[in-house]
Amino acid sequence: MAYTKRLMKELEGLQKNPPRDLKEWVVDLRVLDETNALYRGKAFRLYFKFPPEYPVEVPQVQFIKESDHPIPLHPHIYSNGHICLDLLGTEWSPVQNVSSICISIQSMLTGNDRAERPPDDERYVKHAPKNPKDTKFYYHDDTV
């Protein structure tokens, strides 16, 4: 397990000398539930941008599309990558963190069996702000 030793050494190095700017992260996400046929074997990419007031203020979180990382088809995920999830809006709490956000999004994906966009996707994307935090989502559907 030479790779484990090497990765631990690299992690220690990052802890001793972290990068100066940690305000933007890109995180790859996989749905771990092998029974979910919609997302099985697919990797998705999340973009995090942390405000200076984090963790009191919610980070900007959205899916980004790249050649091998599509934006998942989901009734609460717009084609521009914006995510309608109360945790990223009205239900944000400073006890949340990157891991809990990712787990919530994984759970949201795992619980979905409908390969569709939100009904207002085209209209929303046409008028959407660049930052999804500037959208006042209406959280009314917790079935997916």
C-alpha atoms as a PDB file:
ATOM      1  CA  MET A   1       0.000   0.000   0.000  1.00  0.00           C
ATOM      2  CA  ALA A   2       2.660   2.460  -1.055  1.00  0.00           C
ATOM      3  CA  TYR A   3       0.030   4.823  -2.403  1.00  0.00           C
ATOM      4  CA  THR A   4      -1.521   5.205   1.059  1.00  0.00           C
ATOM      5  CA  LYS A   5       1.815   6.189   2.547  1.00  0.00           C
ATOM      6  CA  ARG A   6       2.383   8.683  -0.265  1.00  0.00           C
ATOM      7  CA  LEU A   7      -1.094  10.199   0.071  1.00  0.00           C
ATOM      8  CA  MET A   8      -0.689  10.556   3.829  1.00  0.00           C
ATOM      9  CA  LYS A   9       2.612  12.358   3.246  1.00  0.00           C
ATOM     10  CA  GLU A  10       0.964  14.703   0.737  1.00  0.00           C
ATOM     11  CA  LEU A  11      -1.932  15.361   3.131  1.00  0.00           C
ATOM     12  CA  GLU A  12       0.507  16.191   5.928  1.00  0.00           C
ATOM     13  CA  GLY A  13       2.263  18.592   3.561  1.00  0.00           C
ATOM     14  CA  LEU A  14      -1.015  20.331   2.748  1.00  0.00           C
ATOM     15  CA  GLN A  15      -1.821  20.620   6.438  1.00  0.00           C
ATOM     16  CA  LYS A  16       1.582  22.185   7.180  1.00  0.00           C
ATOM     17  CA  ASN A  17       1.542  24.470   4.129  1.00  0.00           C
ATOM     18  CA  PRO A  18      -2.034  24.918   2.926  1.00  0.00           C
ATOM     19  CA  PRO A  19      -2.654  26.831  -0.289  1.00  0.00           C
ATOM     20  CA  ARG A  20      -3.148  30.552   0.282  1.00  0.00           C
ATOM     21  CA  ASP A  21      -6.553  30.651  -1.374  1.00  0.00           C
ATOM     22  CA  LEU A  22      -9.051  27.974  -0.423  1.00  0.00           C
ATOM     23  CA  LYS A  23     -12.185  29.895  -1.352  1.00  0.00           C
ATOM     24  CA  GLU A  24     -13.004  27.806  -4.452  1.00  0.00           C
ATOM     25  CA  TRP A  25     -13.175  24.013  -4.534  1.00  0.00           C
ATOM     26  CA  VAL A  26     -14.137  21.447  -7.145  1.00  0.00           C
ATOM     27  CA  VAL A  27     -15.436  18.170  -5.754  1.00  0.00           C
ATOM     28  CA  ASP A  28     -16.197  15.007  -7.714  1.00  0.00           C
ATOM     29  CA  LEU A  29     -19.292  13.197  -6.516  1.00  0.00           C
ATOM     30  CA  ARG A  30     -20.529   9.683  -7.178  1.00  0.00           C
ATOM     31  CA  VAL A  31     -23.798   8.140  -6.077  1.00  0.00           C
ATOM     32  CA  LEU A  32     -22.823   5.210  -3.906  1.00  0.00           C
ATOM     33  CA  ASP A  33     -26.136   3.361  -4.193  1.00  0.00           C
ATOM     34  CA  GLU A  34     -25.593   0.739  -6.892  1.00  0.00           C
ATOM     35  CA  THR A  35     -29.344   0.116  -7.175  1.00  0.00           C
ATOM     36  CA  ASN A  36     -29.989   3.577  -8.620  1.00  0.00           C
ATOM     37  CA  ALA A  37     -29.934   2.996 -12.375  1.00  0.00           C
ATOM     38  CA  LEU A  38     -30.069   6.716 -13.246  1.00  0.00           C
ATOM     39  CA  TYR A  39     -26.713   7.590 -11.750  1.00  0.00           C
ATOM     40  CA  ARG A  40     -24.873   4.260 -11.394  1.00  0.00           C
ATOM     41  CA  GLY A  41     -21.262   4.574 -12.519  1.00  0.00           C
ATOM     42  CA  LYS A  42     -21.519   8.298 -13.231  1.00  0.00           C
ATOM     43  CA  ALA A  43     -19.372  11.015 -11.728  1.00  0.00           C
ATOM     44  CA  PHE A  44     -20.624  14.550 -11.246  1.00  0.00           C
ATOM     45  CA  ARG A  45     -18.625  17.671 -10.471  1.00  0.00           C
ATOM     46  CA  LEU A  46     -19.619  20.230  -7.845  1.00  0.00           C
ATOM     47  CA  TYR A  47     -18.233  23.734  -7.632  1.00  0.00           C
ATOM     48  CA  PHE A  48     -18.002  25.321  -4.170  1.00  0.00           C
ATOM     49  CA  LYS A  49     -17.248  28.992  -3.598  1.00  0.00           C
ATOM     50  CA  PHE A  50     -16.851  30.007   0.029  1.00  0.00           C
ATOM     51  CA  PRO A  51     -17.708  33.537   1.159  1.00  0.00           C
ATOM     52  CA  PRO A  52     -15.507  35.249   3.764  1.00  0.00           C
ATOM     53  CA  GLU A  53     -18.362  34.758   6.274  1.00  0.00           C
ATOM     54  CA  TYR A  54     -18.348  30.940   5.887  1.00  0.00           C
ATOM     55  CA  PRO A  55     -19.551  28.932   7.812  1.00  0.00           C
ATOM     56  CA  VAL A  56     -22.098  31.479   9.022  1.00  0.00           C
ATOM     57  CA  GLU A  57     -23.032  32.149   5.393  1.00  0.00           C
ATOM     58  CA  VAL A  58     -23.829  29.306   2.990  1.00  0.00           C
ATOM     59  CA  PRO A  59     -21.290  28.619   0.229  1.00  0.00           C
ATOM     60  CA  GLN A  60     -22.229  28.812  -3.436  1.00  0.00           C
ATOM     61  CA  VAL A  61     -22.672  25.225  -4.621  1.00  0.00           C
ATOM     62  CA  GLN A  62     -23.609  24.081  -8.097  1.00  0.00           C
ATOM     63  CA  PHE A  63     -22.920  21.312 -10.571  1.00  0.00           C
ATOM     64  CA  ILE A  64     -20.533  22.099 -13.392  1.00  0.00           C
ATOM     65  CA  LYS A  65     -20.529  20.344 -16.737  1.00  0.00           C
ATOM     66  CA  GLU A  66     -17.352  18.943 -18.216  1.00  0.00           C
ATOM     67  CA  SER A  67     -16.829  16.304 -20.870  1.00  0.00           C
ATOM     68  CA  ASP A  68     -16.860  13.355 -18.475  1.00  0.00           C
ATOM     69  CA  HIS A  69     -19.006  15.018 -15.800  1.00  0.00           C
ATOM     70  CA  PRO A  70     -22.583  15.784 -16.909  1.00  0.00           C
ATOM     71  CA  ILE A  71     -25.081  17.747 -14.872  1.00  0.00           C
ATOM     72  CA  PRO A  72     -27.407  15.102 -13.418  1.00  0.00           C
ATOM     73  CA  LEU A  73     -30.971  14.898 -14.647  1.00  0.00           C
ATOM     74  CA  HIS A  74     -33.078  15.533 -11.581  1.00  0.00           C
ATOM     75  CA  PRO A  75     -36.330  17.405 -10.857  1.00  0.00           C
ATOM     76  CA  HIS A  76     -34.432  19.760  -8.504  1.00  0.00           C
ATOM     77  CA  ILE A  77     -31.309  20.347 -10.606  1.00  0.00           C
ATOM     78  CA  TYR A  78     -31.438  22.885 -13.407  1.00  0.00           C
ATOM     79  CA  SER A  79     -29.549  22.402 -16.655  1.00  0.00           C
ATOM     80  CA  ASN A  80     -27.166  25.226 -15.671  1.00  0.00           C
ATOM     81  CA  GLY A  81     -26.160  23.249 -12.562  1.00  0.00           C
ATOM     82  CA  HIS A  82     -28.159  25.217 -10.002  1.00  0.00           C
ATOM     83  CA  ILE A  83     -29.537  23.035  -7.212  1.00  0.00           C
ATOM     84  CA  CYS A  84     -32.869  23.644  -5.523  1.00  0.00           C
ATOM     85  CA  LEU A  85     -32.041  22.281  -2.071  1.00  0.00           C
ATOM     86  CA  ASP A  86     -33.168  23.934   1.154  1.00  0.00           C
ATOM     87  CA  LEU A  87     -29.841  23.129   2.834  1.00  0.00           C
ATOM     88  CA  LEU A  88     -28.214  25.549   0.383  1.00  0.00           C
ATOM     89  CA  GLY A  89     -30.750  28.244   1.187  1.00  0.00           C
ATOM     90  CA  THR A  90     -33.221  28.753   4.009  1.00  0.00           C
ATOM     91  CA  GLU A  91     -32.124  25.685   5.990  1.00  0.00           C
ATOM     92  CA  TRP A  92     -28.393  26.494   6.026  1.00  0.00           C
ATOM     93  CA  SER A  93     -26.725  26.242   9.423  1.00  0.00           C
ATOM     94  CA  PRO A  94     -23.082  26.840  10.385  1.00  0.00           C
ATOM     95  CA  VAL A  95     -22.933  23.251  11.657  1.00  0.00           C
ATOM     96  CA  GLN A  96     -23.135  22.108   8.025  1.00  0.00           C
ATOM     97  CA  ASN A  97     -19.921  21.513   6.098  1.00  0.00           C
ATOM     98  CA  VAL A  98     -18.670  20.319   2.715  1.00  0.00           C
ATOM     99  CA  SER A  99     -19.139  16.693   3.705  1.00  0.00           C
ATOM    100  CA  SER A 100     -22.729  17.163   4.899  1.00  0.00           C
ATOM    101  CA  ILE A 101     -23.565  19.092   1.717  1.00  0.00           C
ATOM    102  CA  CYS A 102     -22.167  16.289  -0.436  1.00  0.00           C
ATOM    103  CA  ILE A 103     -24.021  13.645   1.576  1.00  0.00           C
ATOM    104  CA  SER A 104     -27.283  15.601   1.205  1.00  0.00           C
ATOM    105  CA  ILE A 105     -26.791  15.890  -2.547  1.00  0.00           C
ATOM    106  CA  GLN A 106     -25.902  12.190  -2.803  1.00  0.00           C
ATOM    107  CA  SER A 107     -29.055  11.371  -0.871  1.00  0.00           C
ATOM    108  CA  MET A 108     -31.108  13.644  -3.123  1.00  0.00           C
ATOM    109  CA  LEU A 109     -29.749  11.836  -6.183  1.00  0.00           C
ATOM    110  CA  THR A 110     -30.123   8.364  -4.681  1.00  0.00           C
ATOM    111  CA  GLY A 111     -33.774   8.976  -3.830  1.00  0.00           C
ATOM    112  CA  ASN A 112     -34.643  10.060  -7.361  1.00  0.00           C
ATOM    113  CA  ASP A 113     -35.994   7.797 -10.107  1.00  0.00           C
ATOM    114  CA  ARG A 114     -37.107  10.489 -12.584  1.00  0.00           C
ATOM    115  CA  ALA A 115     -34.706  11.531 -15.345  1.00  0.00           C
ATOM    116  CA  GLU A 116     -36.143  14.995 -15.799  1.00  0.00           C
ATOM    117  CA  ARG A 117     -35.367  18.637 -15.228  1.00  0.00           C
ATOM    118  CA  PRO A 118     -37.513  20.979 -13.137  1.00  0.00           C
ATOM    119  CA  PRO A 119     -40.671  21.977 -15.041  1.00  0.00           C
ATOM    120  CA  ASP A 120     -39.500  25.599 -15.338  1.00  0.00           C
ATOM    121  CA  ASP A 121     -35.924  24.738 -16.390  1.00  0.00           C
ATOM    122  CA  GLU A 122     -35.851  26.627 -19.687  1.00  0.00           C
ATOM    123  CA  ARG A 123     -37.365  29.805 -18.239  1.00  0.00           C
ATOM    124  CA  TYR A 124     -35.227  29.686 -15.106  1.00  0.00           C
ATOM    125  CA  VAL A 125     -31.950  29.127 -16.961  1.00  0.00           C
ATOM    126  CA  LYS A 126     -32.746  31.964 -19.365  1.00  0.00           C
ATOM    127  CA  HIS A 127     -33.145  34.442 -16.480  1.00  0.00           C
ATOM    128  CA  ALA A 128     -31.038  32.842 -13.747  1.00  0.00           C
ATOM    129  CA  PRO A 129     -28.387  34.802 -11.889  1.00  0.00           C
ATOM    130  CA  LYS A 130     -24.839  33.544 -12.225  1.00  0.00           C
ATOM    131  CA  ASN A 131     -24.727  32.727  -8.532  1.00  0.00           C
ATOM    132  CA  PRO A 132     -27.522  30.338  -7.471  1.00  0.00           C
ATOM    133  CA  LYS A 133     -27.486  31.914  -3.989  1.00  0.00           C
ATOM    134  CA  ASP A 134     -29.142  34.943  -5.601  1.00  0.00           C
ATOM    135  CA  THR A 135     -32.210  32.827  -6.409  1.00  0.00           C
ATOM    136  CA  LYS A 136     -35.063  32.632  -3.931  1.00  0.00           C
ATOM    137  CA  PHE A 137     -36.137  29.039  -4.445  1.00  0.00           C
ATOM    138  CA  TYR A 138     -39.527  27.854  -3.259  1.00  0.00           C
ATOM    139  CA  TYR A 139     -38.992  24.526  -1.459  1.00  0.00           C
ATOM    140  CA  HIS A 140     -42.236  22.635  -1.893  1.00  0.00           C
ATOM    141  CA  ASP A 141     -41.367  19.162  -3.135  1.00  0.00           C
ATOM    142  CA  ASP A 142     -39.481  16.855  -0.796  1.00  0.00           C
ATOM    143  CA  THR A 143     -40.486  13.659  -2.586  1.00  0.00           C
ATOM    144  CA  VAL A 144     -37.252  13.437  -4.621  1.00  0.00           C
END
